[in-house]
N, C-alpha and C. Protein backbone atom coordinates (compact mmCIF):
# COMPACT_ATOMS: atom_id res chain seq x y z
N UNK A 1 1.10 -1.32 -0.10
CA UNK A 1 0.23 0.29 0.01
C UNK A 1 0.85 0.75 0.19
N UNK A 2 0.82 2.33 -0.79
CA UNK A 2 1.39 3.76 -0.98
C UNK A 2 1.10 4.39 0.23
N UNK A 3 2.05 5.32 0.50
CA UNK A 3 1.93 6.29 1.75
C UNK A 3 0.62 6.81 1.57
N UNK A 4 0.71 7.85 0.34
CA UNK A 4 -0.98 8.37 0.20
C UNK A 4 -2.08 7.64 0.39
N UNK A 5 -2.22 6.41 -0.23
CA UNK A 5 -3.63 5.57 -0.29
C UNK A 5 -3.70 5.24 1.60
N UNK A 6 -2.47 4.70 2.38
CA UNK A 6 -2.83 5.11 3.82
C UNK A 6 -3.26 5.99 4.29
N UNK A 7 -2.75 7.39 3.77
CA UNK A 7 -2.92 8.87 4.67
C UNK A 7 -4.11 8.83 4.30
N UNK A 8 -4.92 8.47 2.94
CA UNK A 8 -6.47 8.64 2.59
C UNK A 8 -7.31 8.00 3.36
N UNK A 9 -6.79 6.87 3.67
CA UNK A 9 -7.47 5.90 4.59
C UNK A 9 -7.58 6.38 6.15
N UNK A 10 -6.72 6.57 6.77
CA UNK A 10 -6.36 7.64 7.90
C UNK A 10 -7.36 8.55 8.13
N UNK A 11 -7.54 9.26 6.89
CA UNK A 11 -8.26 10.57 7.00
C UNK A 11 -9.38 10.49 7.01
N UNK A 12 -9.80 9.09 6.07
CA UNK A 12 -11.17 8.72 6.23
C UNK A 12 -11.91 8.09 7.00
N UNK A 13 -10.82 7.78 8.14
CA UNK A 13 -11.46 6.90 9.19
C UNK A 13 -11.53 8.10 10.30
N UNK A 14 -10.94 8.97 9.90
CA UNK A 14 -11.15 10.02 11.46
C UNK A 14 -11.85 11.15 11.11
N UNK A 15 -12.36 11.05 9.64
CA UNK A 15 -13.52 12.06 9.39
C UNK A 15 -14.92 11.38 9.96
N UNK A 16 -14.88 9.93 9.81
CA UNK A 16 -15.89 8.80 9.91
C UNK A 16 -16.29 9.16 11.69
N UNK A 17 -15.31 8.79 12.15
CA UNK A 17 -14.86 9.25 13.65
C UNK A 17 -15.57 10.51 14.31
N UNK A 18 -15.22 11.87 12.94
CA UNK A 18 -15.35 13.04 14.10
C UNK A 18 -17.37 12.84 13.76
N UNK A 19 -17.62 12.42 12.54
CA UNK A 19 -19.04 12.48 12.26
C UNK A 19 -19.77 11.61 13.36
N UNK A 20 -19.30 10.40 13.55
CA UNK A 20 -19.83 9.51 14.38
C UNK A 20 -20.13 10.49 16.13
N UNK A 21 -18.67 11.23 16.04
CA UNK A 21 -18.73 11.56 17.66
C UNK A 21 -19.85 13.20 17.53
N UNK A 22 -20.63 13.69 16.04
CA UNK A 22 -21.15 14.68 16.37
C UNK A 22 -22.30 14.32 16.09
N UNK A 23 -22.63 13.34 15.49
CA UNK A 23 -23.96 12.61 15.43
C UNK A 23 -24.80 12.14 16.89
N UNK A 24 -23.80 11.38 17.48
CA UNK A 24 -23.85 11.10 19.11
C UNK A 24 -24.16 12.46 19.97
N UNK A 25 -23.45 13.39 19.70
CA UNK A 25 -23.54 14.75 20.39
C UNK A 25 -24.76 15.31 20.17
N UNK A 26 -25.15 15.13 19.08
CA UNK A 26 -26.85 15.46 18.14
C UNK A 26 -28.08 15.18 18.85
N UNK A 27 -27.52 13.48 18.92
CA UNK A 27 -28.53 12.43 19.26
C UNK A 27 -28.66 13.12 20.95
N UNK A 28 -28.00 12.92 21.44
CA UNK A 28 -28.23 13.18 23.06
C UNK A 28 -28.97 14.36 23.40
N UNK A 29 -28.40 15.43 22.31
CA UNK A 29 -29.31 16.83 22.71
C UNK A 29 -30.84 16.52 22.13
N UNK A 30 -31.05 15.79 21.61
CA UNK A 30 -32.19 15.23 20.94
C UNK A 30 -32.96 14.40 22.15
N UNK A 31 -32.63 13.52 22.53
CA UNK A 31 -33.14 12.91 23.35
C UNK A 31 -33.11 13.51 24.85
N UNK A 32 -32.31 14.54 25.31
CA UNK A 32 -32.69 15.00 26.40
C UNK A 32 -33.59 16.40 26.25
N UNK A 33 -34.09 16.32 25.27
CA UNK A 33 -35.53 17.62 24.76
C UNK A 33 -34.64 19.00 24.80
N UNK A 34 -33.28 19.53 24.35
CA UNK A 34 -32.47 19.92 24.43
C UNK A 34 -32.72 21.05 23.14
N UNK A 35 -32.99 19.79 22.37
CA UNK A 35 -33.65 20.54 20.62
C UNK A 35 -34.04 19.50 20.30
N UNK A 36 -35.03 20.28 19.44
CA UNK A 36 -36.44 19.44 18.92
C UNK A 36 -36.33 19.17 17.39
N UNK A 37 -35.31 19.83 16.53
CA UNK A 37 -34.72 19.67 14.95
C UNK A 37 -33.49 19.12 14.98
N UNK A 38 -33.61 18.25 13.96
CA UNK A 38 -32.40 17.36 13.39
C UNK A 38 -31.25 18.72 13.22
N UNK A 39 -31.60 19.50 12.20
CA UNK A 39 -30.84 20.36 11.70
C UNK A 39 -30.26 21.33 12.77
N UNK A 40 -31.02 21.79 13.70
CA UNK A 40 -30.38 22.70 15.24
C UNK A 40 -29.46 22.02 15.62
N UNK A 41 -29.81 20.37 16.24
CA UNK A 41 -29.18 19.95 17.06
C UNK A 41 -27.85 19.37 16.62
N UNK A 42 -27.62 19.06 15.16
CA UNK A 42 -26.62 18.74 14.35
C UNK A 42 -25.72 19.91 14.35
N UNK A 43 -26.48 21.12 13.95
CA UNK A 43 -25.56 22.33 14.40
C UNK A 43 -24.95 22.69 15.52
N UNK A 44 -25.81 22.56 16.59
CA UNK A 44 -25.21 22.79 17.75
C UNK A 44 -24.26 21.84 18.66
N UNK A 45 -24.54 20.41 18.51
CA UNK A 45 -23.53 19.79 18.16
C UNK A 45 -21.63 20.09 17.56
N UNK A 46 -22.08 20.44 16.46
CA UNK A 46 -20.59 20.60 15.77
C UNK A 46 -20.00 21.97 16.25
N UNK A 47 -20.66 22.92 16.77
CA UNK A 47 -20.13 24.25 17.10
C UNK A 47 -19.76 23.35 18.97
N UNK A 48 -20.34 22.78 19.12
CA UNK A 48 -19.95 22.38 20.66
C UNK A 48 -18.53 21.14 20.35
N UNK A 49 -18.67 20.95 19.48
CA UNK A 49 -16.80 20.16 19.40
C UNK A 49 -16.06 20.73 18.54
N UNK A 50 -16.24 22.02 18.24
CA UNK A 50 -15.54 22.99 17.52
C UNK A 50 -14.92 22.13 15.70
N UNK A 51 -15.83 21.80 15.23
CA UNK A 51 -15.95 21.64 13.94
C UNK A 51 -16.79 21.59 13.06
N UNK A 52 -16.66 21.53 11.64
CA UNK A 52 -17.54 21.90 10.59
C UNK A 52 -18.22 20.87 10.05
N UNK A 53 -17.71 19.70 9.92
CA UNK A 53 -18.72 18.52 9.31
C UNK A 53 -19.97 18.29 10.24
N UNK A 54 -20.87 18.14 9.10
CA UNK A 54 -22.29 17.61 9.36
C UNK A 54 -22.62 15.98 9.32
N UNK A 55 -23.22 15.61 10.23
CA UNK A 55 -23.98 14.07 10.36
C UNK A 55 -25.17 14.06 9.01
N UNK A 56 -25.52 12.89 8.26
CA UNK A 56 -27.22 13.03 7.81
C UNK A 56 -27.59 12.73 9.22
N UNK A 57 -28.73 12.90 8.87
CA UNK A 57 -30.05 12.70 9.77
C UNK A 57 -30.05 11.43 10.07
N UNK A 58 -29.97 10.32 8.83
CA UNK A 58 -30.11 8.72 9.45
C UNK A 58 -28.57 8.46 10.28
N UNK A 59 -27.66 9.50 9.92
CA UNK A 59 -26.49 9.15 11.21
C UNK A 59 -26.82 9.56 12.76
N UNK A 60 -27.25 10.11 12.74
CA UNK A 60 -28.16 10.62 13.98
C UNK A 60 -29.05 9.85 14.51
N UNK A 61 -30.20 9.58 13.38
CA UNK A 61 -31.26 8.53 13.63
C UNK A 61 -30.84 7.16 14.55
N UNK A 62 -29.57 6.68 13.89
CA UNK A 62 -28.79 5.46 14.07
C UNK A 62 -28.50 5.63 15.82
N UNK A 63 -27.67 6.80 16.04
CA UNK A 63 -27.11 7.24 17.46
C UNK A 63 -28.11 7.37 18.41
N UNK A 64 -29.26 7.83 18.10
CA UNK A 64 -30.74 8.41 18.95
C UNK A 64 -30.88 7.01 19.37
N UNK A 65 -31.72 6.28 17.99
CA UNK A 65 -31.71 4.71 18.67
C UNK A 65 -31.27 4.35 19.64
N UNK A 66 -29.64 4.33 19.48
CA UNK A 66 -28.80 3.27 20.68
C UNK A 66 -28.75 3.97 21.45
N UNK A 67 -29.11 5.18 21.76
CA UNK A 67 -29.12 5.95 23.38
C UNK A 67 -30.35 5.74 23.80
N UNK A 68 -31.30 5.50 23.35
CA UNK A 68 -32.82 5.12 23.51
C UNK A 68 -32.59 3.40 24.23
N UNK A 69 -32.18 2.63 23.57
CA UNK A 69 -31.76 1.26 23.86
C UNK A 69 -31.34 0.88 24.95
N UNK A 70 -30.04 1.77 25.28
CA UNK A 70 -29.07 1.90 26.43
C UNK A 70 -29.76 2.71 27.62
N UNK A 71 -30.45 3.60 27.11
CA UNK A 71 -31.27 3.68 28.53
C UNK A 71 -32.65 3.35 28.82
N UNK A 72 -33.61 2.68 28.16
CA UNK A 72 -34.58 2.51 28.12
C UNK A 72 -34.79 0.79 28.23
N UNK A 73 -33.70 -0.22 27.44
CA UNK A 73 -33.61 -1.16 27.76
C UNK A 73 -35.03 -2.12 27.07
N UNK A 74 -35.26 -3.26 28.11
CA UNK A 74 -36.68 -3.97 27.28
C UNK A 74 -38.05 -2.86 27.58
N UNK A 75 -37.76 -2.17 28.62
CA UNK A 75 -39.00 -1.36 28.90
C UNK A 75 -39.48 -0.86 27.72
N UNK A 76 -38.51 -0.30 26.70
CA UNK A 76 -38.32 0.17 25.17
C UNK A 76 -40.08 -0.35 24.57
N UNK A 77 -39.61 -1.61 24.60
CA UNK A 77 -40.35 -2.47 23.73
C UNK A 77 -41.82 -2.52 24.58
N UNK A 78 -41.60 -2.85 25.99
CA UNK A 78 -43.05 -2.58 26.40
C UNK A 78 -43.92 -1.67 26.06
N UNK A 79 -43.35 -0.56 25.89
CA UNK A 79 -44.50 0.74 25.69
C UNK A 79 -44.35 0.68 24.44
N UNK A 80 -43.57 0.60 23.08
CA UNK A 80 -44.13 0.49 22.16
C UNK A 80 -45.31 -0.20 21.85
N UNK A 81 -45.04 -1.51 22.39
CA UNK A 81 -46.64 -2.38 22.27
C UNK A 81 -47.87 -1.27 22.77
N UNK A 82 -47.82 -1.09 23.96
CA UNK A 82 -48.94 -0.31 24.50
C UNK A 82 -49.00 0.89 23.86
N UNK A 83 -47.95 1.53 23.28
CA UNK A 83 -48.26 2.83 22.43
C UNK A 83 -49.51 2.37 21.31
N UNK A 84 -48.98 0.86 20.47
CA UNK A 84 -49.64 0.80 19.48
C UNK A 84 -50.71 -0.11 19.82
N UNK A 85 -51.13 -0.54 20.63
CA UNK A 85 -52.42 -0.55 21.05
C UNK A 85 -53.31 0.24 21.47
N UNK A 86 -52.80 1.57 22.21
CA UNK A 86 -53.37 2.75 22.01
C UNK A 86 -53.64 3.25 20.54
N UNK A 87 -52.87 3.13 19.75
CA UNK A 87 -53.08 3.82 18.50
C UNK A 87 -53.85 3.04 17.77
N UNK A 88 -54.02 1.83 18.12
CA UNK A 88 -55.09 1.22 17.23
C UNK A 88 -56.58 1.65 18.23
N UNK A 89 -56.84 1.93 18.89
CA UNK A 89 -57.80 2.50 19.66
C UNK A 89 -58.00 3.64 19.37
N UNK A 90 -57.23 4.64 18.85
CA UNK A 90 -57.01 5.76 18.18
C UNK A 90 -58.11 5.43 16.91
N UNK A 91 -57.55 4.64 16.26
CA UNK A 91 -57.46 4.54 14.67
C UNK A 91 -59.40 4.25 14.14
N UNK A 92 -59.82 3.34 15.28
CA UNK A 92 -60.93 2.99 15.26
C UNK A 92 -61.90 3.80 15.55
N UNK A 93 -61.60 4.64 16.42
CA UNK A 93 -62.42 5.90 16.73
C UNK A 93 -62.61 6.85 15.82
N UNK A 94 -60.96 7.06 14.76
CA UNK A 94 -60.95 7.77 13.56
C UNK A 94 -61.46 6.91 12.28
N UNK A 95 -62.26 5.55 12.67
CA UNK A 95 -62.30 4.85 11.14
C UNK A 95 -62.73 5.96 9.81
N UNK A 96 -63.26 6.89 9.81
CA UNK A 96 -64.25 7.17 9.17
C UNK A 96 -63.11 8.46 8.50
N UNK A 97 -62.69 8.46 8.49
CA UNK A 97 -61.38 9.59 8.17
C UNK A 97 -60.19 8.42 7.62
N UNK A 98 -59.87 7.75 7.00
CA UNK A 98 -59.04 6.96 7.07
C UNK A 98 -57.65 6.57 7.24
N UNK A 99 -57.92 6.30 8.35
CA UNK A 99 -56.47 6.75 9.69
C UNK A 99 -55.40 6.24 8.94
N UNK A 100 -53.82 6.57 9.42
CA UNK A 100 -52.93 5.89 8.78
C UNK A 100 -51.85 6.09 10.09
N UNK A 101 -51.33 5.08 11.07
CA UNK A 101 -50.11 5.32 11.98
C UNK A 101 -48.74 5.50 10.73
N UNK A 102 -48.41 6.57 11.40
CA UNK A 102 -47.21 6.57 11.03
C UNK A 102 -46.09 7.63 12.10
N UNK A 103 -44.71 7.73 12.33
CA UNK A 103 -43.96 8.14 13.08
C UNK A 103 -43.10 7.35 13.64
N UNK A 104 -42.70 7.56 14.76
CA UNK A 104 -41.98 6.49 15.57
C UNK A 104 -42.70 5.60 16.07
N UNK A 105 -43.69 5.66 16.42
CA UNK A 105 -44.23 4.44 16.95
C UNK A 105 -44.75 3.32 16.04
N UNK A 106 -44.89 3.70 14.66
CA UNK A 106 -45.01 2.88 13.53
C UNK A 106 -43.55 2.52 13.14
N UNK A 107 -42.42 2.90 13.08
CA UNK A 107 -41.30 2.91 12.87
C UNK A 107 -40.96 1.80 13.66
N UNK A 108 -41.42 1.75 15.36
CA UNK A 108 -40.74 0.83 15.94
C UNK A 108 -39.35 1.84 16.81
N UNK A 109 -39.05 2.66 16.47
CA UNK A 109 -38.11 3.53 16.83
C UNK A 109 -38.53 4.64 18.41
N UNK A 110 -39.28 4.77 19.26
CA UNK A 110 -39.49 5.55 19.98
C UNK A 110 -38.79 5.63 21.14
N UNK A 111 -38.86 6.78 21.32
CA UNK A 111 -37.69 7.38 22.91
C UNK A 111 -38.85 7.40 23.81
N UNK A 112 -38.33 7.95 24.93
CA UNK A 112 -39.05 7.99 26.04
C UNK A 112 -40.29 9.46 25.90
N UNK A 113 -40.15 10.25 24.73
CA UNK A 113 -40.49 11.43 24.71
C UNK A 113 -41.24 11.45 23.60
N UNK A 114 -41.48 10.21 23.03
CA UNK A 114 -42.26 9.80 21.99
C UNK A 114 -43.85 10.27 21.60
N UNK A 115 -44.35 10.76 20.52
CA UNK A 115 -46.21 10.76 20.67
C UNK A 115 -46.46 10.01 19.87
N UNK A 116 -47.35 9.44 19.81
CA UNK A 116 -48.67 8.37 18.72
C UNK A 116 -48.68 9.64 17.62
N UNK A 117 -47.95 9.45 16.54
CA UNK A 117 -48.94 10.24 15.31
C UNK A 117 -49.72 9.46 14.22
N UNK A 118 -50.90 9.96 13.82
CA UNK A 118 -51.82 9.24 12.81
C UNK A 118 -52.20 10.54 12.24
N UNK A 119 -52.26 10.15 10.68
CA UNK A 119 -52.98 11.30 9.85
C UNK A 119 -53.75 10.73 9.39
N UNK A 120 -54.70 11.77 9.39
CA UNK A 120 -56.26 11.36 9.19
C UNK A 120 -56.44 12.36 7.94
N UNK A 121 -57.71 11.95 6.96
CA UNK A 121 -57.81 12.92 5.55
C UNK A 121 -59.32 13.19 5.97
N UNK A 122 -59.70 14.79 5.96
CA UNK A 122 -61.42 15.23 5.90
C UNK A 122 -60.81 16.81 5.59
N UNK A 123 -61.99 16.76 4.77
CA UNK A 123 -62.28 18.34 4.40
C UNK A 123 -62.76 19.27 5.53
N UNK A 124 -63.00 18.52 6.27
CA UNK A 124 -63.88 19.63 7.35
C UNK A 124 -62.73 19.10 9.01
N UNK A 125 -61.66 19.56 9.19
CA UNK A 125 -61.26 19.28 10.67
C UNK A 125 -61.63 19.55 11.85
N UNK A 126 -62.51 20.05 11.65
CA UNK A 126 -63.77 20.44 12.97
C UNK A 126 -64.67 19.12 13.20
N UNK A 127 -64.81 18.55 12.16
CA UNK A 127 -65.23 16.93 12.53
C UNK A 127 -64.80 16.28 13.47
N UNK A 128 -63.65 16.25 12.51
CA UNK A 128 -62.74 15.18 13.50
C UNK A 128 -62.22 15.59 14.81
N UNK A 129 -61.91 16.76 14.85
CA UNK A 129 -62.06 17.57 16.62
C UNK A 129 -63.47 17.24 17.13
N UNK A 130 -64.61 17.67 17.02
CA UNK A 130 -65.58 17.44 17.82
C UNK A 130 -65.88 15.71 17.71
N UNK A 131 -65.17 14.59 17.24
CA UNK A 131 -65.57 13.25 17.36
C UNK A 131 -64.38 12.95 18.61
N UNK A 132 -63.11 13.47 18.88
CA UNK A 132 -62.19 13.31 19.84
C UNK A 132 -62.63 13.95 20.91
N UNK A 133 -63.26 15.30 21.01
CA UNK A 133 -63.15 15.47 22.77
C UNK A 133 -64.24 14.79 23.62
N UNK A 134 -65.27 13.83 23.33
CA UNK A 134 -65.63 13.49 24.15
C UNK A 134 -64.71 12.05 24.91
N UNK A 135 -63.63 11.52 23.99
CA UNK A 135 -62.58 10.70 24.64
C UNK A 135 -61.32 10.97 25.03
N UNK A 136 -61.06 12.17 24.21
CA UNK A 136 -59.74 12.76 24.99
C UNK A 136 -59.85 14.33 25.45
N UNK A 137 -58.66 14.44 26.19
CA UNK A 137 -58.26 15.79 26.62
C UNK A 137 -57.32 16.47 25.23
N UNK A 138 -57.95 17.67 24.97
CA UNK A 138 -57.71 18.25 23.69
C UNK A 138 -56.26 19.32 24.03
N UNK A 139 -55.20 19.23 24.18
CA UNK A 139 -54.34 19.82 24.59
C UNK A 139 -53.92 21.22 23.74
N UNK A 140 -54.15 20.86 22.44
CA UNK A 140 -53.75 21.95 21.46
C UNK A 140 -54.11 21.87 20.13
N UNK A 141 -54.62 22.45 19.56
CA UNK A 141 -55.06 22.54 17.98
C UNK A 141 -54.31 23.66 17.22
N UNK A 142 -53.92 23.68 15.90
CA UNK A 142 -52.98 24.17 15.40
C UNK A 142 -53.33 24.03 13.76
N UNK A 143 -53.44 25.17 12.98
CA UNK A 143 -53.24 25.26 11.47
C UNK A 143 -51.95 25.58 11.05
N UNK A 144 -51.11 24.38 10.00
CA UNK A 144 -50.20 24.63 9.54
C UNK A 144 -50.14 24.89 8.00
N UNK A 145 -49.17 25.51 7.43
CA UNK A 145 -49.21 25.52 5.94
C UNK A 145 -47.81 25.40 5.44
N UNK A 146 -47.19 24.48 5.34
CA UNK A 146 -45.72 24.21 4.45
C UNK A 146 -45.43 24.16 2.96
N UNK A 147 -44.40 24.24 2.50
CA UNK A 147 -44.24 24.08 0.93
C UNK A 147 -43.24 23.04 0.99
N UNK A 148 -43.74 22.03 0.01
CA UNK A 148 -43.37 20.73 -0.29
C UNK A 148 -43.28 20.82 -1.70
N UNK A 149 -42.38 20.50 -2.31
CA UNK A 149 -41.97 20.45 -3.96
C UNK A 149 -42.97 21.46 -4.74
N UNK A 150 -42.78 22.77 -3.96
CA UNK A 150 -43.28 23.62 -5.05
C UNK A 150 -45.00 23.42 -4.44
N UNK A 151 -45.31 23.10 -3.51
CA UNK A 151 -46.60 23.27 -3.37
C UNK A 151 -46.80 23.32 -2.05
N UNK A 152 -48.12 23.81 -1.79
CA UNK A 152 -48.71 24.50 -0.30
C UNK A 152 -49.14 23.63 0.37
N UNK A 153 -49.15 23.08 1.43
CA UNK A 153 -49.86 21.84 2.20
C UNK A 153 -50.57 22.35 3.54
N UNK A 154 -51.57 22.42 3.57
CA UNK A 154 -52.41 23.02 4.18
C UNK A 154 -52.75 22.10 5.40
N UNK A 155 -52.75 21.58 6.89
CA UNK A 155 -52.94 20.51 7.42
C UNK A 155 -53.44 21.18 9.33
N UNK A 156 -54.04 20.23 10.24
CA UNK A 156 -54.92 20.76 11.24
C UNK A 156 -54.24 19.95 11.85
N UNK A 157 -53.55 20.19 13.09
CA UNK A 157 -52.71 19.48 14.00
C UNK A 157 -53.78 19.69 15.45
N UNK A 158 -53.89 18.47 15.75
CA UNK A 158 -54.61 18.29 16.87
C UNK A 158 -53.98 17.47 18.22
N UNK A 159 -53.20 17.84 19.09
CA UNK A 159 -52.65 17.34 20.06
C UNK A 159 -53.47 16.99 21.28
N UNK A 160 -53.83 15.75 21.69
CA UNK A 160 -54.26 15.47 22.90
C UNK A 160 -53.47 14.34 23.93
N UNK A 161 -54.62 14.55 25.00
CA UNK A 161 -53.50 13.31 26.05
C UNK A 161 -54.16 12.46 26.18
N UNK A 162 -53.69 10.98 26.38
CA UNK A 162 -54.66 9.71 26.44
C UNK A 162 -54.32 9.84 28.21
N UNK A 163 -55.41 8.36 28.30
CA UNK A 163 -55.32 8.20 29.67
C UNK A 163 -54.49 7.36 30.83
N UNK A 164 -53.10 6.95 29.60
CA UNK A 164 -51.78 6.54 29.90
C UNK A 164 -51.12 7.41 30.70
N UNK A 165 -51.52 8.89 29.70
CA UNK A 165 -50.43 9.96 29.81
C UNK A 165 -49.63 10.11 28.47
N UNK A 166 -49.67 9.51 27.83
CA UNK A 166 -49.12 9.25 26.87
C UNK A 166 -49.92 10.28 25.84
N UNK A 167 -49.35 11.05 25.26
CA UNK A 167 -49.44 12.01 24.17
C UNK A 167 -49.87 11.38 22.80
N UNK A 168 -50.82 11.92 21.85
CA UNK A 168 -51.00 12.03 20.10
C UNK A 168 -51.44 13.14 19.55
N UNK A 169 -50.57 13.07 18.24
CA UNK A 169 -50.86 14.05 17.24
C UNK A 169 -52.01 13.71 16.25
N UNK A 170 -52.87 13.94 15.94
CA UNK A 170 -53.81 13.62 14.57
C UNK A 170 -53.48 14.74 13.72
N UNK A 171 -52.56 14.44 12.47
CA UNK A 171 -52.78 15.17 11.80
C UNK A 171 -53.95 15.50 10.39
N UNK A 172 -54.58 16.63 10.24
CA UNK A 172 -56.10 16.13 9.46
C UNK A 172 -55.20 17.03 8.40
N UNK A 173 -55.42 16.45 7.24
CA UNK A 173 -55.35 16.52 6.06
C UNK A 173 -56.67 16.45 4.69
N UNK A 174 -56.46 17.65 4.08
CA UNK A 174 -57.48 17.42 3.01
C UNK A 174 -57.85 15.82 2.24
N UNK A 175 -58.63 15.74 1.91
CA UNK A 175 -59.15 13.85 0.99
C UNK A 175 -58.22 14.40 -0.17
N UNK A 176 -58.09 15.32 -0.72
CA UNK A 176 -56.94 16.01 -2.03
C UNK A 176 -55.92 15.19 -1.77
N UNK A 177 -54.98 14.74 -0.46
CA UNK A 177 -53.88 14.26 -0.28
C UNK A 177 -53.74 12.87 -0.03
N UNK A 178 -54.81 12.04 0.02
CA UNK A 178 -54.96 10.76 0.32
C UNK A 178 -54.31 9.57 -0.48
N UNK A 179 -53.79 10.09 -1.25
CA UNK A 179 -53.01 9.02 -2.17
C UNK A 179 -51.85 9.71 -2.33
N UNK A 180 -51.42 10.82 -1.41
CA UNK A 180 -49.83 11.54 -1.93
C UNK A 180 -49.07 11.00 -0.78
N UNK A 181 -47.72 10.46 -1.45
CA UNK A 181 -46.90 9.68 -0.40
C UNK A 181 -45.85 10.50 -0.35
N UNK A 182 -45.47 11.11 0.60
CA UNK A 182 -44.29 11.45 0.76
C UNK A 182 -42.80 10.85 1.20
N UNK A 183 -41.34 11.36 0.95
CA UNK A 183 -39.91 10.90 1.09
C UNK A 183 -39.95 11.55 2.54
N UNK A 184 -39.46 10.82 3.56
CA UNK A 184 -38.54 10.92 4.73
C UNK A 184 -37.49 11.55 4.78
N UNK A 185 -37.43 12.59 5.49
CA UNK A 185 -36.51 13.48 5.79
C UNK A 185 -35.19 12.70 6.74
N UNK A 186 -35.73 12.18 7.36
CA UNK A 186 -34.85 11.38 8.41
C UNK A 186 -34.22 10.34 7.63
N UNK A 187 -35.37 8.84 7.08
CA UNK A 187 -34.11 8.08 6.27
C UNK A 187 -34.30 7.75 4.56
N UNK A 188 -34.91 8.93 4.38
CA UNK A 188 -34.94 8.82 3.16
C UNK A 188 -35.77 7.86 2.17
N UNK A 189 -36.74 6.90 3.07
CA UNK A 189 -37.81 6.58 1.93
C UNK A 189 -38.98 6.94 2.06
N UNK A 190 -39.37 5.97 1.27
CA UNK A 190 -41.19 6.63 1.39
C UNK A 190 -42.07 6.25 3.10
N UNK A 191 -42.59 7.29 3.35
CA UNK A 191 -43.55 7.20 4.35
C UNK A 191 -45.03 6.11 4.06
N UNK A 192 -44.51 5.08 4.22
CA UNK A 192 -45.99 4.41 4.34
C UNK A 192 -46.57 4.42 5.55
N UNK A 193 -46.33 3.92 6.89
CA UNK A 193 -47.35 3.78 7.72
C UNK A 193 -48.03 2.27 7.79
N UNK A 194 -49.00 2.72 8.60
CA UNK A 194 -49.86 1.02 8.54
C UNK A 194 -51.25 1.74 9.05
N UNK A 195 -52.48 1.25 7.95
CA UNK A 195 -53.74 1.34 8.26
C UNK A 195 -54.20 0.54 9.69
N UNK A 196 -55.37 0.69 9.63
CA UNK A 196 -56.02 -0.09 10.70
C UNK A 196 -55.88 -1.67 10.86
N UNK A 197 -56.21 -1.97 10.12
CA UNK A 197 -55.71 -3.57 9.54
C UNK A 197 -54.72 -4.07 9.38
N UNK A 198 -53.73 -3.33 9.25
CA UNK A 198 -52.57 -3.76 9.35
C UNK A 198 -51.83 -3.79 10.44
N UNK A 199 -52.25 -2.84 11.72
CA UNK A 199 -52.07 -2.64 12.78
C UNK A 199 -52.39 -3.94 13.60
N UNK A 200 -53.66 -4.04 13.29
CA UNK A 200 -53.93 -5.14 14.03
C UNK A 200 -53.48 -6.74 14.02
N UNK A 201 -53.09 -6.60 12.60
CA UNK A 201 -52.61 -7.87 12.35
C UNK A 201 -51.39 -8.26 12.76
N UNK A 202 -50.62 -7.06 12.95
CA UNK A 202 -49.15 -6.69 13.81
C UNK A 202 -49.06 -6.84 14.99
N UNK A 203 -49.84 -6.42 15.75
CA UNK A 203 -50.15 -6.68 17.15
C UNK A 203 -50.06 -8.05 17.30
N UNK A 204 -50.79 -8.92 16.68
CA UNK A 204 -51.10 -10.17 17.18
C UNK A 204 -49.97 -11.37 16.64
N UNK A 205 -49.28 -10.50 15.25
CA UNK A 205 -48.29 -11.24 14.98
C UNK A 205 -46.65 -10.89 15.03
N UNK A 206 -46.55 -9.80 15.52
CA UNK A 206 -45.09 -9.18 15.29
C UNK A 206 -44.86 -7.76 16.45
N UNK A 207 -45.52 -7.68 17.44
CA UNK A 207 -46.06 -6.59 18.13
C UNK A 207 -44.67 -5.52 17.72
N UNK A 208 -43.67 -5.91 18.13
CA UNK A 208 -42.41 -5.32 18.25
C UNK A 208 -41.51 -4.40 17.06
N UNK A 209 -42.43 -5.01 15.60
CA UNK A 209 -41.48 -5.06 14.27
C UNK A 209 -40.83 -3.50 14.22
N UNK A 210 -39.96 -3.25 13.47
CA UNK A 210 -39.39 -2.48 13.30
C UNK A 210 -39.43 -2.13 11.72
N UNK A 211 -39.78 -0.83 11.35
CA UNK A 211 -39.62 -0.10 9.95
C UNK A 211 -38.90 0.85 9.34
N UNK A 212 -37.97 0.28 9.29
CA UNK A 212 -36.51 1.20 9.11
C UNK A 212 -35.73 0.27 8.23
N UNK A 213 -34.99 1.16 7.69
CA UNK A 213 -34.43 1.19 6.01
C UNK A 213 -33.16 0.29 6.18
N UNK A 214 -33.01 -0.25 7.23
CA UNK A 214 -31.57 -0.82 7.58
C UNK A 214 -31.54 -2.04 8.83
């Protein structure tokens, strides 16, 4: 092996080690609730360590998963099953709005602060809200508009608290969005999620299954 080749290998290994450290620091910030967004977490981590390399969202997600496993162990899987059961109850209530379980409860990558994320479709968000009010404590509602692929996507968010103390966020989108698929900004794959019947089957056959591209 030539000296230049060996130097390049060492440089690459050093770069990977730095990226791993930044990813770990960013994941720690997210896990501790000191940052909410991946970009802010990685920028803060890089500044803390005094370097300019930024890891990918996937690299941070892998470290976040490791931290959660190290800190929560078997209790994490027990909580995942409970949250998936709670999600199923919610989805049954929301059956007329084509509910889809997404987020970390779908993925199987929950941390101690994870919420249940469910997307539903309706042209009248208030109808969804009124359906939920008798069953749960509504913590917050918010209408948002974001630009994706050159188009504005308007959605209505309902944050609620379950009897267990867990929280769930119901995202209400217009019926015209029902067949639109999005790519995950963290894992890079398509956000598929689980329909009610699929979640029912999963809980019977493989309740802790993960849906991640690695």
